PDB file of N, CA and C in Angstrom:
ATOM      1  N   MET A   1      48.638  21.907  13.205  1.00  0.00           N
ATOM      2  CA  MET A   1      47.127  21.682  12.715  1.00  0.00           C
ATOM      3  C   MET A   1      47.118  21.727  11.351  1.00  0.00           C
ATOM      4  N   PRO A   2      45.910  20.941  10.684  1.00  0.00           N
ATOM      5  CA  PRO A   2      45.585  20.500   9.049  1.00  0.00           C
ATOM      6  C   PRO A   2      44.403  21.525   8.956  1.00  0.00           C
ATOM      7  N   PHE A   3      44.306  22.737  10.254  1.00  0.00           N
ATOM      8  CA  PHE A   3      43.351  23.409   9.011  1.00  0.00           C
ATOM      9  C   PHE A   3      43.443  24.644   9.919  1.00  0.00           C
ATOM     10  N   ALA A   4      43.149  25.902   9.308  1.00  0.00           N
ATOM     11  CA  ALA A   4      43.170  27.749  10.243  1.00  0.00           C
ATOM     12  C   ALA A   4      42.176  27.788  10.762  1.00  0.00           C
ATOM     13  N   PHE A   5      42.737  28.140  12.153  1.00  0.00           N
ATOM     14  CA  PHE A   5      41.400  28.804  13.478  1.00  0.00           C
ATOM     15  C   PHE A   5      41.970  31.016  12.880  1.00  0.00           C
ATOM     16  N   PHE A   6      40.122  31.008  12.981  1.00  0.00           N
ATOM     17  CA  PHE A   6      39.794  32.475  12.871  1.00  0.00           C
ATOM     18  C   PHE A   6      38.936  32.881  13.753  1.00  0.00           C
ATOM     19  N   PRO A   7      39.424  33.545  14.649  1.00  0.00           N
ATOM     20  CA  PRO A   7      38.076  33.704  15.995  1.00  0.00           C
ATOM     21  C   PRO A   7      37.503  35.355  15.945  1.00  0.00           C
ATOM     22  N   HIS A   8      36.083  35.662  16.289  1.00  0.00           N
ATOM     23  CA  HIS A   8      35.610  36.592  16.639  1.00  0.00           C
ATOM     24  C   HIS A   8      34.627  36.505  15.270  1.00  0.00           C
ATOM     25  N   LEU A   9      34.379  36.036  14.532  1.00  0.00           N
ATOM     26  CA  LEU A   9      33.219  36.139  13.062  1.00  0.00           C
ATOM     27  C   LEU A   9      32.505  36.837  13.265  1.00  0.00           C
ATOM     28  N   SER A  10      31.702  37.123  14.231  1.00  0.00           N
ATOM     29  CA  SER A  10      30.753  37.910  14.247  1.00  0.00           C
ATOM     30  C   SER A  10      31.231  39.587  14.267  1.00  0.00           C
ATOM     31  N   ASP A  11      32.037  39.509  14.414  1.00  0.00           N
ATOM     32  CA  ASP A  11      32.851  41.072  15.142  1.00  0.00           C
ATOM     33  C   ASP A  11      32.968  42.240  13.589  1.00  0.00           C
ATOM     34  N   ASP A  12      32.725  41.183  12.479  1.00  0.00           N
ATOM     35  CA  ASP A  12      32.264  42.526  11.196  1.00  0.00           C
ATOM     36  C   ASP A  12      31.766  41.608   9.910  1.00  0.00           C
ATOM     37  N   ASP A  13      31.179  42.459   9.377  1.00  0.00           N
ATOM     38  CA  ASP A  13      29.951  41.055   8.186  1.00  0.00           C
ATOM     39  C   ASP A  13      31.154  40.915   7.070  1.00  0.00           C
ATOM     40  N   THR A  14      32.267  41.659   6.951  1.00  0.00           N
ATOM     41  CA  THR A  14      33.147  41.283   6.012  1.00  0.00           C
ATOM     42  C   THR A  14      33.901  40.344   6.460  1.00  0.00           C
ATOM     43  N   TYR A  15      33.913  40.026   7.134  1.00  0.00           N
ATOM     44  CA  TYR A  15      35.553  38.440   7.893  1.00  0.00           C
ATOM     45  C   TYR A  15      34.616  37.146   6.835  1.00  0.00           C
ATOM     46  N   LEU A  16      33.391  37.118   7.169  1.00  0.00           N
ATOM     47  CA  LEU A  16      32.833  35.987   6.093  1.00  0.00           C
ATOM     48  C   LEU A  16      33.467  35.405   4.754  1.00  0.00           C
ATOM     49  N   PRO A  17      32.617  36.603   4.174  1.00  0.00           N
ATOM     50  CA  PRO A  17      33.112  36.904   2.369  1.00  0.00           C
ATOM     51  C   PRO A  17      34.732  37.211   2.273  1.00  0.00           C
ATOM     52  N   ALA A  18      35.234  37.807   3.265  1.00  0.00           N
ATOM     53  CA  ALA A  18      37.013  37.594   3.034  1.00  0.00           C
ATOM     54  C   ALA A  18      37.635  35.741   2.991  1.00  0.00           C
ATOM     55  N   LEU A  19      36.999  35.812   4.005  1.00  0.00           N
ATOM     56  CA  LEU A  19      37.453  33.716   4.534  1.00  0.00           C
ATOM     57  C   LEU A  19      37.125  33.124   3.627  1.00  0.00           C
ATOM     58  N   LEU A  20      35.829  33.254   2.786  1.00  0.00           N
ATOM     59  CA  LEU A  20      35.009  32.720   1.289  1.00  0.00           C
ATOM     60  C   LEU A  20      36.270  32.819   0.435  1.00  0.00           C
ATOM     61  N   ARG A  21      36.722  33.669   0.403  1.00  0.00           N
ATOM     62  CA  ARG A  21      38.065  34.383  -0.684  1.00  0.00           C
ATOM     63  C   ARG A  21      38.840  33.477  -0.311  1.00  0.00           C
ATOM     64  N   TYR A  22      39.550  33.547   0.532  1.00  0.00           N
ATOM     65  CA  TYR A  22      40.880  33.373   1.064  1.00  0.00           C
ATOM     66  C   TYR A  22      40.136  31.674   1.267  1.00  0.00           C
ATOM     67  N   SER A  23      39.501  30.946   1.271  1.00  0.00           N
ATOM     68  CA  SER A  23      39.371  29.355   1.051  1.00  0.00           C
ATOM     69  C   SER A  23      39.935  28.751  -0.066  1.00  0.00           C
ATOM     70  N   THR A  24      39.734  29.816  -0.806  1.00  0.00           N
ATOM     71  CA  THR A  24      39.733  29.480  -2.489  1.00  0.00           C
ATOM     72  C   THR A  24      41.421  29.146  -2.913  1.00  0.00           C
ATOM     73  N   HIS A  25      41.746  29.772  -1.471  1.00  0.00           N
ATOM     74  CA  HIS A  25      43.116  30.015  -2.535  1.00  0.00           C
ATOM     75  C   HIS A  25      44.110  29.087  -1.928  1.00  0.00           C
ATOM     76  N   THR A  26      43.668  28.256  -0.959  1.00  0.00           N
ATOM     77  CA  THR A  26      44.416  27.703   0.434  1.00  0.00           C
ATOM     78  C   THR A  26      44.134  26.077   0.534  1.00  0.00           C
ATOM     79  N   ALA A  27      45.025  25.252   0.644  1.00  0.00           N
ATOM     80  CA  ALA A  27      44.023  23.663   1.081  1.00  0.00           C
ATOM     81  C   ALA A  27      43.891  23.464   2.508  1.00  0.00           C
ATOM     82  N   GLN A  28      44.384  24.412   3.753  1.00  0.00           N
ATOM     83  CA  GLN A  28      43.927  24.277   4.321  1.00  0.00           C
ATOM     84  C   GLN A  28      42.167  24.237   4.852  1.00  0.00           C
ATOM     85  N   PRO A  29      41.308  23.442   5.344  1.00  0.00           N
ATOM     86  CA  PRO A  29      40.064  24.191   5.880  1.00  0.00           C
ATOM     87  C   PRO A  29      40.165  25.162   7.160  1.00  0.00           C
ATOM     88  N   ILE A  30      39.332  26.382   7.093  1.00  0.00           N
ATOM     89  CA  ILE A  30      39.405  27.015   7.676  1.00  0.00           C
ATOM     90  C   ILE A  30      38.025  26.768   8.831  1.00  0.00           C
ATOM     91  N   VAL A  31      38.210  26.678   9.814  1.00  0.00           N
ATOM     92  CA  VAL A  31      37.138  26.766  11.240  1.00  0.00           C
ATOM     93  C   VAL A  31      37.303  27.846  11.501  1.00  0.00           C
ATOM     94  N   ALA A  32      35.958  29.051  11.458  1.00  0.00           N
ATOM     95  CA  ALA A  32      36.276  30.521  12.109  1.00  0.00           C
ATOM     96  C   ALA A  32      34.858  29.993  13.092  1.00  0.00           C
ATOM     97  N   CYS A  33      34.407  30.976  14.144  1.00  0.00           N
ATOM     98  CA  CYS A  33      34.264  30.504  15.352  1.00  0.00           C
ATOM     99  C   CYS A  33      33.326  31.901  16.185  1.00  0.00           C
ATOM    100  N   ASN A  34      31.879  32.600  16.043  1.00  0.00           N
ATOM    101  CA  ASN A  34      31.529  33.644  16.657  1.00  0.00           C
ATOM    102  C   ASN A  34      31.981  33.232  18.157  1.00  0.00           C
ATOM    103  N   ASP A  35      32.043  34.295  18.815  1.00  0.00           N
ATOM    104  CA  ASP A  35      32.325  34.708  20.477  1.00  0.00           C
ATOM    105  C   ASP A  35      31.588  33.843  21.138  1.00  0.00           C
ATOM    106  N   GLY A  36      31.439  32.586  22.170  1.00  0.00           N
ATOM    107  CA  GLY A  36      31.047  31.879  22.484  1.00  0.00           C
ATOM    108  C   GLY A  36      31.184  30.362  21.869  1.00  0.00           C
ATOM    109  N   ASP A  37      31.472  30.089  20.725  1.00  0.00           N
ATOM    110  CA  ASP A  37      31.423  28.587  20.045  1.00  0.00           C
ATOM    111  C   ASP A  37      33.504  28.544  20.229  1.00  0.00           C
ATOM    112  N   GLY A  38      33.671  27.096  19.839  1.00  0.00           N
ATOM    113  CA  GLY A  38      34.718  27.124  19.998  1.00  0.00           C
ATOM    114  C   GLY A  38      34.796  25.544  19.874  1.00  0.00           C
ATOM    115  N   ILE A  39      36.766  25.228  19.881  1.00  0.00           N
ATOM    116  CA  ILE A  39      36.692  23.710  19.145  1.00  0.00           C
ATOM    117  C   ILE A  39      37.494  23.993  20.302  1.00  0.00           C
ATOM    118  N   VAL A  40      38.161  22.136  20.896  1.00  0.00           N
ATOM    119  CA  VAL A  40      39.036  22.210  21.708  1.00  0.00           C
ATOM    120  C   VAL A  40      39.601  20.851  20.928  1.00  0.00           C
ATOM    121  N   VAL A  41      40.907  20.446  21.000  1.00  0.00           N
ATOM    122  CA  VAL A  41      41.293  19.446  20.422  1.00  0.00           C
ATOM    123  C   VAL A  41      42.775  18.820  21.148  1.00  0.00           C
ATOM    124  N   THR A  42      41.901  17.888  20.835  1.00  0.00           N
ATOM    125  CA  THR A  42      42.670  16.662  21.986  1.00  0.00           C
ATOM    126  C   THR A  42      44.000  15.542  21.069  1.00  0.00           C
ATOM    127  N   GLY A  43      44.863  15.426  21.055  1.00  0.00           N
ATOM    128  CA  GLY A  43      45.395  14.426  20.294  1.00  0.00           C
ATOM    129  C   GLY A  43      44.956  14.404  18.778  1.00  0.00           C
ATOM    130  N   ARG A  44      44.188  13.304  18.518  1.00  0.00           N
ATOM    131  CA  ARG A  44      43.854  13.550  17.274  1.00  0.00           C
ATOM    132  C   ARG A  44      42.330  13.884  16.506  1.00  0.00           C
ATOM    133  N   ARG A  45      41.414  14.331  18.046  1.00  0.00           N
ATOM    134  CA  ARG A  45      40.373  15.190  17.811  1.00  0.00           C
ATOM    135  C   ARG A  45      40.365  15.989  17.539  1.00  0.00           C
ATOM    136  N   VAL A  46      38.939  16.959  17.153  1.00  0.00           N
ATOM    137  CA  VAL A  46      38.762  18.073  17.453  1.00  0.00           C
ATOM    138  C   VAL A  46      37.379  18.138  17.899  1.00  0.00           C
ATOM    139  N   GLU A  47      36.492  18.694  19.232  1.00  0.00           N
ATOM    140  CA  GLU A  47      35.462  19.260  19.286  1.00  0.00           C
ATOM    141  C   GLU A  47      34.806  20.450  19.303  1.00  0.00           C
ATOM    142  N   CYS A  48      33.728  20.229  18.233  1.00  0.00           N
ATOM    143  CA  CYS A  48      33.119  21.204  17.958  1.00  0.00           C
ATOM    144  C   CYS A  48      31.922  22.084  19.326  1.00  0.00           C
ATOM    145  N   PHE A  49      32.257  23.417  19.588  1.00  0.00           N
ATOM    146  CA  PHE A  49      31.692  23.591  20.542  1.00  0.00           C
ATOM    147  C   PHE A  49      30.674  24.574  20.113  1.00  0.00           C
ATOM    148  N   GLY A  50      29.247  24.709  20.304  1.00  0.00           N
ATOM    149  CA  GLY A  50      28.624  25.918  19.614  1.00  0.00           C
ATOM    150  C   GLY A  50      28.684  25.506  18.106  1.00  0.00           C
ATOM    151  N   ASP A  51      28.518  26.589  17.673  1.00  0.00           N
ATOM    152  CA  ASP A  51      27.850  26.263  16.190  1.00  0.00           C
ATOM    153  C   ASP A  51      29.757  26.544  14.755  1.00  0.00           C
ATOM    154  N   PRO A  52      30.207  25.944  15.725  1.00  0.00           N
ATOM    155  CA  PRO A  52      31.908  26.322  14.677  1.00  0.00           C
ATOM    156  C   PRO A  52      31.286  26.532  13.003  1.00  0.00           C
ATOM    157  N   VAL A  53      31.731  27.375  12.163  1.00  0.00           N
ATOM    158  CA  VAL A  53      31.248  27.465  10.672  1.00  0.00           C
ATOM    159  C   VAL A  53      33.162  26.654  10.036  1.00  0.00           C
ATOM    160  N   TRP A  54      32.769  25.754   9.494  1.00  0.00           N
ATOM    161  CA  TRP A  54      33.395  25.244   8.734  1.00  0.00           C
ATOM    162  C   TRP A  54      34.012  25.628   6.861  1.00  0.00           C
ATOM    163  N   ILE A  55      35.329  26.009   6.487  1.00  0.00           N
ATOM    164  CA  ILE A  55      35.305  26.838   5.128  1.00  0.00           C
ATOM    165  C   ILE A  55      36.096  25.977   4.351  1.00  0.00           C
ATOM    166  N   ALA A  56      35.824  26.364   3.351  1.00  0.00           N
ATOM    167  CA  ALA A  56      36.655  25.222   2.202  1.00  0.00           C
ATOM    168  C   ALA A  56      35.869  25.638   0.410  1.00  0.00           C
ATOM    169  N   ALA A  57      37.543  25.621   0.244  1.00  0.00           N
ATOM    170  CA  ALA A  57      37.125  25.286  -1.382  1.00  0.00           C
ATOM    171  C   ALA A  57      35.734  26.935  -1.799  1.00  0.00           C
ATOM    172  N   GLY A  58      35.917  27.725  -0.883  1.00  0.00           N
ATOM    173  CA  GLY A  58      34.570  29.259  -1.162  1.00  0.00           C
ATOM    174  C   GLY A  58      33.540  28.567  -0.783  1.00  0.00           C
ATOM    175  N   THR A  59      33.283  27.860  -0.239  1.00  0.00           N
ATOM    176  CA  THR A  59      31.999  27.572   0.318  1.00  0.00           C
ATOM    177  C   THR A  59      31.973  27.179   2.201  1.00  0.00           C
ATOM    178  N   VAL A  60      30.895  27.222   2.960  1.00  0.00           N
ATOM    179  CA  VAL A  60      30.300  27.422   4.306  1.00  0.00           C
ATOM    180  C   VAL A  60      30.525  25.950   4.031  1.00  0.00           C
ATOM    181  N   GLN A  61      30.890  24.799   4.840  1.00  0.00           N
ATOM    182  CA  GLN A  61      30.780  22.998   4.724  1.00  0.00           C
ATOM    183  C   GLN A  61      30.670  22.708   5.982  1.00  0.00           C
ATOM    184  N   THR A  62      30.111  21.323   6.534  1.00  0.00           N
ATOM    185  CA  THR A  62      29.462  20.957   7.683  1.00  0.00           C
ATOM    186  C   THR A  62      30.582  20.553   7.899  1.00  0.00           C
ATOM    187  N   ALA A  63      30.510  20.496   9.474  1.00  0.00           N
ATOM    188  CA  ALA A  63      32.063  19.142  10.106  1.00  0.00           C
ATOM    189  C   ALA A  63      32.217  18.144   9.432  1.00  0.00           C
ATOM    190  N   GLY A  64      31.267  17.032   8.974  1.00  0.00           N
ATOM    191  CA  GLY A  64      31.186  16.237   8.714  1.00  0.00           C
ATOM    192  C   GLY A  64      31.492  16.865   7.219  1.00  0.00           C
ATOM    193  N   ASP A  65      31.667  17.136   6.171  1.00  0.00           N
ATOM    194  CA  ASP A  65      31.979  17.652   4.461  1.00  0.00           C
ATOM    195  C   ASP A  65      33.582  17.430   4.835  1.00  0.00           C
ATOM    196  N   ILE A  66      34.460  17.669   6.168  1.00  0.00           N
ATOM    197  CA  ILE A  66      35.454  18.402   5.769  1.00  0.00           C
ATOM    198  C   ILE A  66      36.388  16.986   6.714  1.00  0.00           C
ATOM    199  N   ARG A  67      37.814  16.795   5.699  1.00  0.00           N
ATOM    200  CA  ARG A  67      38.280  15.646   6.148  1.00  0.00           C
ATOM    201  C   ARG A  67      38.970  15.987   6.191  1.00  0.00           C
ATOM    202  N   LEU A  68      40.207  15.811   7.748  1.00  0.00           N
ATOM    203  CA  LEU A  68      41.741  16.684   8.251  1.00  0.00           C
ATOM    204  C   LEU A  68      41.888  15.348   8.734  1.00  0.00           C
ATOM    205  N   ASP A  69      43.101  15.123   7.440  1.00  0.00           N
ATOM    206  CA  ASP A  69      44.451  13.573   7.908  1.00  0.00           C
ATOM    207  C   ASP A  69      44.758  13.229   8.858  1.00  0.00           C
ATOM    208  N   GLY A  70      43.815  12.334   9.506  1.00  0.00           N
ATOM    209  CA  GLY A  70      44.456  12.567  11.195  1.00  0.00           C
ATOM    210  C   GLY A  70      43.590  12.132  11.736  1.00  0.00           C
ATOM    211  N   PHE A  71      42.756  13.287  11.667  1.00  0.00           N
ATOM    212  CA  PHE A  71      41.403  13.673  12.871  1.00  0.00           C
ATOM    213  C   PHE A  71      40.249  13.815  12.694  1.00  0.00           C
ATOM    214  N   SER A  72      39.622  13.087  13.839  1.00  0.00           N
ATOM    215  CA  SER A  72      38.445  13.083  13.660  1.00  0.00           C
ATOM    216  C   SER A  72      37.708  14.042  14.355  1.00  0.00           C
ATOM    217  N   ILE A  73      36.655  14.840  13.679  1.00  0.00           N
ATOM    218  CA  ILE A  73      36.012  15.630  14.262  1.00  0.00           C
ATOM    219  C   ILE A  73      34.677  15.704  15.172  1.00  0.00           C
ATOM    220  N   SER A  74      34.034  15.892  16.222  1.00  0.00           N
ATOM    221  CA  SER A  74      32.622  15.985  16.328  1.00  0.00           C
ATOM    222  C   SER A  74      31.833  16.963  17.635  1.00  0.00           C
ATOM    223  N   ARG A  75      29.849  16.718  17.237  1.00  0.00           N
ATOM    224  CA  ARG A  75      30.006  17.665  18.194  1.00  0.00           C
ATOM    225  C   ARG A  75      30.097  16.967  19.730  1.00  0.00           C
ATOM    226  N   ALA A  76      30.405  18.555  20.840  1.00  0.00           N
ATOM    227  CA  ALA A  76      30.785  18.241  22.185  1.00  0.00           C
ATOM    228  C   ALA A  76      28.725  18.465  23.001  1.00  0.00           C
TER     229      ALA A  76
END
């Protein structure tokens, strides 16, 4: 996968700041999900359910801001 996945984001308030810091040290975007949110990857398509949090370059971004080589991102 051209991104990292992080589940249970809302379990601890320290997770998001830690992921933002980590994202400055990796070229891969991170998708983090609260319980009840998720993604489904089918072939080269990523479908977002609920409100997954996309993180890259130290910031929270929208799915439309993220570029995944050869993949499309859409909301279900």
